[in-house]
Protein backbone atom coordinates (compact mmCIF):
# COMPACT_ATOMS: atom_id res chain seq x y z
CA MET A 1 14.09 132.06 86.04
CA ALA A 2 16.25 129.08 85.32
CA SER A 3 15.05 125.69 86.49
CA ALA A 4 17.32 123.32 88.37
CA ILE A 5 18.76 120.45 86.39
CA GLN A 6 17.94 117.10 87.87
CA LYS A 7 20.95 114.85 88.38
CA ILE A 8 20.88 111.20 87.33
CA ALA A 9 22.31 108.62 89.71
CA LEU A 10 24.03 105.78 87.89
CA ASN A 11 24.85 102.42 89.51
CA ALA A 12 28.07 100.61 88.84
CA SER A 13 27.88 97.64 86.58
CA ARG A 14 28.13 94.19 88.11
CA ASP A 15 27.80 90.56 87.11
CA ILE A 16 24.43 88.96 87.93
CA PRO A 17 23.91 85.22 87.34
CA PHE A 18 21.61 84.59 84.39
CA ASN A 19 19.29 82.43 86.50
CA ARG A 20 18.53 85.53 88.62
CA LEU A 21 17.13 87.44 85.61
CA VAL A 22 13.55 87.51 84.38
CA LEU A 23 12.12 89.27 81.36
CA SER A 24 9.86 92.11 82.49
CA GLN A 25 6.28 92.24 81.34
CA SER A 26 6.80 95.99 80.77
CA ASN A 27 9.38 95.32 78.01
CA VAL A 28 8.64 98.00 75.45
CA ARG A 29 9.33 96.29 72.09
CA ARG A 30 6.18 94.78 70.59
CA VAL A 31 7.20 94.59 66.91
CA LYS A 32 9.83 92.20 65.65
CA ALA A 33 12.53 93.96 63.66
CA GLY A 34 15.98 93.25 62.32
CA LEU A 35 17.80 90.00 63.05
CA SER A 36 15.94 87.00 64.41
CA VAL A 37 16.76 85.98 68.00
CA GLU A 38 18.70 83.03 66.65
CA GLU A 39 20.77 85.26 64.36
CA LEU A 40 21.40 87.61 67.27
CA ALA A 41 22.48 84.70 69.46
CA ARG A 42 24.99 83.61 66.78
CA ASP A 43 26.28 87.16 66.57
CA ILE A 44 26.72 87.42 70.36
CA GLU A 45 28.46 84.07 70.38
CA ARG A 46 30.85 85.24 67.67
CA ARG A 47 31.49 88.82 68.83
CA GLY A 48 30.45 88.86 72.48
CA LEU A 49 27.72 90.96 74.05
CA LEU A 50 28.28 94.52 72.81
CA GLN A 51 25.62 96.15 74.98
CA SER A 52 24.84 94.88 78.45
CA LEU A 53 21.34 94.32 79.78
CA ASN A 54 19.71 96.94 81.93
CA VAL A 55 18.05 95.49 84.96
CA ARG A 56 16.15 96.56 88.05
CA PRO A 57 15.55 94.64 91.29
CA VAL A 58 12.36 92.65 91.67
CA LEU A 59 10.64 93.70 94.85
CA ASN A 60 8.30 91.66 97.03
CA CYS A 61 4.93 92.87 98.36
CA GLU A 62 6.73 94.67 101.26
CA GLY A 63 9.06 96.51 98.86
CA ALA A 64 12.21 94.54 99.74
CA GLU A 65 14.52 93.22 97.08
CA THR A 66 14.09 89.49 96.28
CA GLY A 67 17.53 88.85 94.83
CA CYS A 68 16.09 88.55 91.32
CA TYR A 69 16.24 91.25 88.62
CA GLU A 70 13.88 92.04 85.77
CA VAL A 71 14.99 93.13 82.35
CA PRO A 72 12.72 95.99 81.29
CA ALA A 73 14.66 96.66 78.03
CA GLY A 74 16.82 94.34 75.98
CA GLY A 75 14.34 91.48 75.62
CA ARG A 76 15.81 90.28 72.36
CA ARG A 77 19.31 90.22 73.88
CA PHE A 78 17.86 88.36 76.91
CA ARG A 79 16.28 85.73 74.65
CA ALA A 80 19.42 85.42 72.60
CA LEU A 81 21.49 84.89 75.74
CA GLU A 82 18.94 82.42 76.93
CA LEU A 83 19.68 80.34 73.83
CA LEU A 84 23.44 80.51 74.56
CA VAL A 85 23.15 79.61 78.27
């Protein structure tokens, strides 16, 4: 018997002000690798951001959106952008 394939819902990209972003405590990278954050910032400044940040809304204790967004992946890009802002 074939199992049903679960569909993934994608949200459209949008611009979110940097001051509405916070780095998530659940960010997965724990080991430094590759370019330093400063080198990454210089690269982003020179070439632009090649891969956007993935974010999810921060919810309050009632489960309502707060207007802020956490960055669960892309912490190095977040820190590099922080240097450029």
